Amino acid sequence: MAYKITDACIKCGTCEGGCPTGAISEGEDTYVIDADACISCGTCEGNCPTGAIVEE
């Protein structure tokens, strides 16, 4: 199951740098996760300082 980034994202970039598959990129208002590239490892969720990343 892929993860998604909620509106609580402050665009700090921590999730993007920690993603082992490069599935996260900067979007207009928040970072976004490419569900096809996400391997559901949970690294992004654990690294997010605001808890903005949740399982879909």
PDB file of N, CA and C in Angstrom:
ATOM      1  N   MET A   1       0.845  -1.181   0.000  1.00  0.00           N
ATOM      2  CA  MET A   1       0.000   0.000   0.000  1.00  0.00           C
ATOM      3  C   MET A   1       0.887   1.240   0.000  1.00  0.00           C
ATOM      4  N   ALA A   2       0.613   2.159  -0.877  1.00  0.00           N
ATOM      5  CA  ALA A   2       1.407   3.375  -1.000  1.00  0.00           C
ATOM      6  C   ALA A   2       1.063   4.375   0.104  1.00  0.00           C
ATOM      7  N   TYR A   3       1.915   5.345   0.240  1.00  0.00           N
ATOM      8  CA  TYR A   3       1.716   6.415   1.207  1.00  0.00           C
ATOM      9  C   TYR A   3       1.288   7.674   0.467  1.00  0.00           C
ATOM     10  N   LYS A   4       0.717   8.623   1.215  1.00  0.00           N
ATOM     11  CA  LYS A   4       0.368   9.921   0.633  1.00  0.00           C
ATOM     12  C   LYS A   4       0.797  11.009   1.606  1.00  0.00           C
ATOM     13  N   ILE A   5       0.994  12.191   1.080  1.00  0.00           N
ATOM     14  CA  ILE A   5       1.411  13.338   1.884  1.00  0.00           C
ATOM     15  C   ILE A   5       0.220  14.277   2.024  1.00  0.00           C
ATOM     16  N   THR A   6      -0.118  14.609   3.258  1.00  0.00           N
ATOM     17  CA  THR A   6      -1.282  15.446   3.546  1.00  0.00           C
ATOM     18  C   THR A   6      -0.918  16.930   3.524  1.00  0.00           C
ATOM     19  N   ASP A   7      -1.934  17.757   3.755  1.00  0.00           N
ATOM     20  CA  ASP A   7      -1.747  19.204   3.780  1.00  0.00           C
ATOM     21  C   ASP A   7      -0.899  19.691   4.954  1.00  0.00           C
ATOM     22  N   ALA A   8      -0.570  18.812   5.876  1.00  0.00           N
ATOM     23  CA  ALA A   8       0.293  19.175   7.004  1.00  0.00           C
ATOM     24  C   ALA A   8       1.749  19.329   6.571  1.00  0.00           C
ATOM     25  N   CYS A   9       2.049  18.992   5.328  1.00  0.00           N
ATOM     26  CA  CYS A   9       3.413  19.091   4.781  1.00  0.00           C
ATOM     27  C   CYS A   9       3.890  20.545   4.789  1.00  0.00           C
ATOM     28  N   ILE A  10       5.099  20.739   5.313  1.00  0.00           N
ATOM     29  CA  ILE A  10       5.688  22.079   5.343  1.00  0.00           C
ATOM     30  C   ILE A  10       6.791  22.237   4.292  1.00  0.00           C
ATOM     31  N   LYS A  11       6.897  21.269   3.402  1.00  0.00           N
ATOM     32  CA  LYS A  11       7.867  21.274   2.297  1.00  0.00           C
ATOM     33  C   LYS A  11       9.310  21.404   2.775  1.00  0.00           C
ATOM     34  N   CYS A  12       9.651  20.636   3.809  1.00  0.00           N
ATOM     35  CA  CYS A  12      11.013  20.682   4.329  1.00  0.00           C
ATOM     36  C   CYS A  12      11.971  19.831   3.498  1.00  0.00           C
ATOM     37  N   GLY A  13      11.432  18.836   2.763  1.00  0.00           N
ATOM     38  CA  GLY A  13      12.256  18.005   1.901  1.00  0.00           C
ATOM     39  C   GLY A  13      12.867  16.778   2.555  1.00  0.00           C
ATOM     40  N   THR A  14      12.621  16.579   3.829  1.00  0.00           N
ATOM     41  CA  THR A  14      13.187  15.435   4.532  1.00  0.00           C
ATOM     42  C   THR A  14      12.745  14.121   3.891  1.00  0.00           C
ATOM     43  N   CYS A  15      11.498  14.034   3.512  1.00  0.00           N
ATOM     44  CA  CYS A  15      10.975  12.800   2.925  1.00  0.00           C
ATOM     45  C   CYS A  15      11.631  12.482   1.586  1.00  0.00           C
ATOM     46  N   GLU A  16      11.820  13.487   0.771  1.00  0.00           N
ATOM     47  CA  GLU A  16      12.400  13.282  -0.557  1.00  0.00           C
ATOM     48  C   GLU A  16      13.815  12.723  -0.452  1.00  0.00           C
ATOM     49  N   GLY A  17      14.607  13.290   0.437  1.00  0.00           N
ATOM     50  CA  GLY A  17      15.981  12.850   0.590  1.00  0.00           C
ATOM     51  C   GLY A  17      16.121  11.458   1.160  1.00  0.00           C
ATOM     52  N   GLY A  18      15.118  11.000   1.914  1.00  0.00           N
ATOM     53  CA  GLY A  18      15.201   9.688   2.534  1.00  0.00           C
ATOM     54  C   GLY A  18      14.549   8.567   1.757  1.00  0.00           C
ATOM     55  N   CYS A  19      13.863   8.882   0.679  1.00  0.00           N
ATOM     56  CA  CYS A  19      13.145   7.860  -0.080  1.00  0.00           C
ATOM     57  C   CYS A  19      14.121   7.003  -0.893  1.00  0.00           C
ATOM     58  N   PRO A  20      14.156   5.691  -0.631  1.00  0.00           N
ATOM     59  CA  PRO A  20      15.121   4.832  -1.328  1.00  0.00           C
ATOM     60  C   PRO A  20      14.822   4.615  -2.806  1.00  0.00           C
ATOM     61  N   THR A  21      13.592   4.878  -3.240  1.00  0.00           N
ATOM     62  CA  THR A  21      13.248   4.661  -4.646  1.00  0.00           C
ATOM     63  C   THR A  21      13.076   5.954  -5.433  1.00  0.00           C
ATOM     64  N   GLY A  22      13.224   7.098  -4.772  1.00  0.00           N
ATOM     65  CA  GLY A  22      13.043   8.379  -5.462  1.00  0.00           C
ATOM     66  C   GLY A  22      11.603   8.636  -5.849  1.00  0.00           C
ATOM     67  N   ALA A  23      10.661   8.074  -5.089  1.00  0.00           N
ATOM     68  CA  ALA A  23       9.238   8.204  -5.414  1.00  0.00           C
ATOM     69  C   ALA A  23       8.644   9.538  -4.998  1.00  0.00           C
ATOM     70  N   ILE A  24       9.405  10.349  -4.270  1.00  0.00           N
ATOM     71  CA  ILE A  24       8.875  11.610  -3.750  1.00  0.00           C
ATOM     72  C   ILE A  24       9.493  12.785  -4.489  1.00  0.00           C
ATOM     73  N   SER A  25       8.641  13.723  -4.878  1.00  0.00           N
ATOM     74  CA  SER A  25       9.118  14.926  -5.558  1.00  0.00           C
ATOM     75  C   SER A  25       8.340  16.128  -5.054  1.00  0.00           C
ATOM     76  N   GLU A  26       8.882  17.301  -5.302  1.00  0.00           N
ATOM     77  CA  GLU A  26       8.240  18.529  -4.842  1.00  0.00           C
ATOM     78  C   GLU A  26       7.072  18.878  -5.743  1.00  0.00           C
ATOM     79  N   GLY A  27       5.911  19.054  -5.118  1.00  0.00           N
ATOM     80  CA  GLY A  27       4.719  19.464  -5.842  1.00  0.00           C
ATOM     81  C   GLY A  27       4.485  20.950  -5.647  1.00  0.00           C
ATOM     82  N   GLU A  28       3.330  21.419  -6.061  1.00  0.00           N
ATOM     83  CA  GLU A  28       3.021  22.843  -5.963  1.00  0.00           C
ATOM     84  C   GLU A  28       2.879  23.300  -4.516  1.00  0.00           C
ATOM     85  N   ASP A  29       2.066  22.600  -3.727  1.00  0.00           N
ATOM     86  CA  ASP A  29       1.816  23.005  -2.346  1.00  0.00           C
ATOM     87  C   ASP A  29       2.485  22.091  -1.311  1.00  0.00           C
ATOM     88  N   THR A  30       2.693  20.840  -1.687  1.00  0.00           N
ATOM     89  CA  THR A  30       3.309  19.854  -0.806  1.00  0.00           C
ATOM     90  C   THR A  30       4.213  18.967  -1.648  1.00  0.00           C
ATOM     91  N   TYR A  31       4.957  18.112  -0.984  1.00  0.00           N
ATOM     92  CA  TYR A  31       5.663  17.075  -1.726  1.00  0.00           C
ATOM     93  C   TYR A  31       4.638  16.024  -2.113  1.00  0.00           C
ATOM     94  N   VAL A  32       4.904  15.257  -3.160  1.00  0.00           N
ATOM     95  CA  VAL A  32       3.980  14.235  -3.631  1.00  0.00           C
ATOM     96  C   VAL A  32       4.718  12.907  -3.793  1.00  0.00           C
ATOM     97  N   ILE A  33       3.967  11.821  -3.627  1.00  0.00           N
ATOM     98  CA  ILE A  33       4.522  10.481  -3.747  1.00  0.00           C
ATOM     99  C   ILE A  33       3.949   9.812  -4.985  1.00  0.00           C
ATOM    100  N   ASP A  34       4.825   9.285  -5.829  1.00  0.00           N
ATOM    101  CA  ASP A  34       4.419   8.523  -6.997  1.00  0.00           C
ATOM    102  C   ASP A  34       4.046   7.123  -6.512  1.00  0.00           C
ATOM    103  N   ALA A  35       2.761   6.813  -6.498  1.00  0.00           N
ATOM    104  CA  ALA A  35       2.282   5.537  -5.959  1.00  0.00           C
ATOM    105  C   ALA A  35       2.859   4.339  -6.703  1.00  0.00           C
ATOM    106  N   ASP A  36       3.162   4.501  -7.980  1.00  0.00           N
ATOM    107  CA  ASP A  36       3.723   3.395  -8.756  1.00  0.00           C
ATOM    108  C   ASP A  36       5.166   3.097  -8.369  1.00  0.00           C
ATOM    109  N   ALA A  37       5.889   4.109  -7.902  1.00  0.00           N
ATOM    110  CA  ALA A  37       7.285   3.925  -7.515  1.00  0.00           C
ATOM    111  C   ALA A  37       7.449   3.618  -6.030  1.00  0.00           C
ATOM    112  N   CYS A  38       6.420   3.898  -5.234  1.00  0.00           N
ATOM    113  CA  CYS A  38       6.473   3.685  -3.788  1.00  0.00           C
ATOM    114  C   CYS A  38       6.481   2.195  -3.470  1.00  0.00           C
ATOM    115  N   ILE A  39       7.420   1.763  -2.615  1.00  0.00           N
ATOM    116  CA  ILE A  39       7.499   0.357  -2.216  1.00  0.00           C
ATOM    117  C   ILE A  39       6.929   0.140  -0.815  1.00  0.00           C
ATOM    118  N   SER A  40       6.273   1.136  -0.279  1.00  0.00           N
ATOM    119  CA  SER A  40       5.613   1.068   1.033  1.00  0.00           C
ATOM    120  C   SER A  40       6.560   0.686   2.160  1.00  0.00           C
ATOM    121  N   CYS A  41       7.771   1.221   2.125  1.00  0.00           N
ATOM    122  CA  CYS A  41       8.756   0.886   3.154  1.00  0.00           C
ATOM    123  C   CYS A  41       8.531   1.667   4.444  1.00  0.00           C
ATOM    124  N   GLY A  42       7.838   2.814   4.358  1.00  0.00           N
ATOM    125  CA  GLY A  42       7.534   3.603   5.541  1.00  0.00           C
ATOM    126  C   GLY A  42       8.629   4.557   5.981  1.00  0.00           C
ATOM    127  N   THR A  43       9.724   4.610   5.246  1.00  0.00           N
ATOM    128  CA  THR A  43      10.822   5.497   5.611  1.00  0.00           C
ATOM    129  C   THR A  43      10.372   6.949   5.651  1.00  0.00           C
ATOM    130  N   CYS A  44       9.609   7.361   4.679  1.00  0.00           N
ATOM    131  CA  CYS A  44       9.134   8.749   4.613  1.00  0.00           C
ATOM    132  C   CYS A  44       8.269   9.087   5.817  1.00  0.00           C
ATOM    133  N   GLU A  45       7.368   8.184   6.170  1.00  0.00           N
ATOM    134  CA  GLU A  45       6.479   8.407   7.309  1.00  0.00           C
ATOM    135  C   GLU A  45       7.287   8.584   8.590  1.00  0.00           C
ATOM    136  N   GLY A  46       8.295   7.757   8.765  1.00  0.00           N
ATOM    137  CA  GLY A  46       9.131   7.831   9.959  1.00  0.00           C
ATOM    138  C   GLY A  46      10.005   9.066  10.013  1.00  0.00           C
ATOM    139  N   ASN A  47      10.373   9.588   8.843  1.00  0.00           N
ATOM    140  CA  ASN A  47      11.263  10.754   8.784  1.00  0.00           C
ATOM    141  C   ASN A  47      10.529  12.088   8.847  1.00  0.00           C
ATOM    142  N   CYS A  48       9.245  12.107   8.561  1.00  0.00           N
ATOM    143  CA  CYS A  48       8.491  13.362   8.482  1.00  0.00           C
ATOM    144  C   CYS A  48       8.336  14.014   9.854  1.00  0.00           C
ATOM    145  N   PRO A  49       8.860  15.236  10.020  1.00  0.00           N
ATOM    146  CA  PRO A  49       8.788  15.897  11.323  1.00  0.00           C
ATOM    147  C   PRO A  49       7.394  16.397  11.716  1.00  0.00           C
ATOM    148  N   THR A  50       6.479  16.492  10.744  1.00  0.00           N
ATOM    149  CA  THR A  50       5.127  16.989  11.041  1.00  0.00           C
ATOM    150  C   THR A  50       4.067  15.907  11.005  1.00  0.00           C
ATOM    151  N   GLY A  51       4.444  14.676  10.712  1.00  0.00           N
ATOM    152  CA  GLY A  51       3.472  13.589  10.623  1.00  0.00           C
ATOM    153  C   GLY A  51       2.531  13.728   9.454  1.00  0.00           C
ATOM    154  N   ALA A  52       3.002  14.364   8.382  1.00  0.00           N
ATOM    155  CA  ALA A  52       2.159  14.659   7.231  1.00  0.00           C
ATOM    156  C   ALA A  52       2.028  13.477   6.274  1.00  0.00           C
ATOM    157  N   ILE A  53       2.738  12.396   6.517  1.00  0.00           N
ATOM    158  CA  ILE A  53       2.704  11.249   5.600  1.00  0.00           C
ATOM    159  C   ILE A  53       1.960  10.095   6.256  1.00  0.00           C
ATOM    160  N   VAL A  54       0.949   9.597   5.529  1.00  0.00           N
ATOM    161  CA  VAL A  54       0.098   8.527   6.039  1.00  0.00           C
ATOM    162  C   VAL A  54      -0.082   7.449   4.974  1.00  0.00           C
ATOM    163  N   GLU A  55      -0.431   6.246   5.426  1.00  0.00           N
ATOM    164  CA  GLU A  55      -0.746   5.175   4.483  1.00  0.00           C
ATOM    165  C   GLU A  55      -2.060   5.473   3.783  1.00  0.00           C
ATOM    166  N   GLU A  56      -2.111   5.167   2.484  1.00  0.00           N
ATOM    167  CA  GLU A  56      -3.342   5.362   1.715  1.00  0.00           C
ATOM    168  C   GLU A  56      -4.293   4.241   1.974  1.00  0.00           C
TER     169      GLU A  56
END
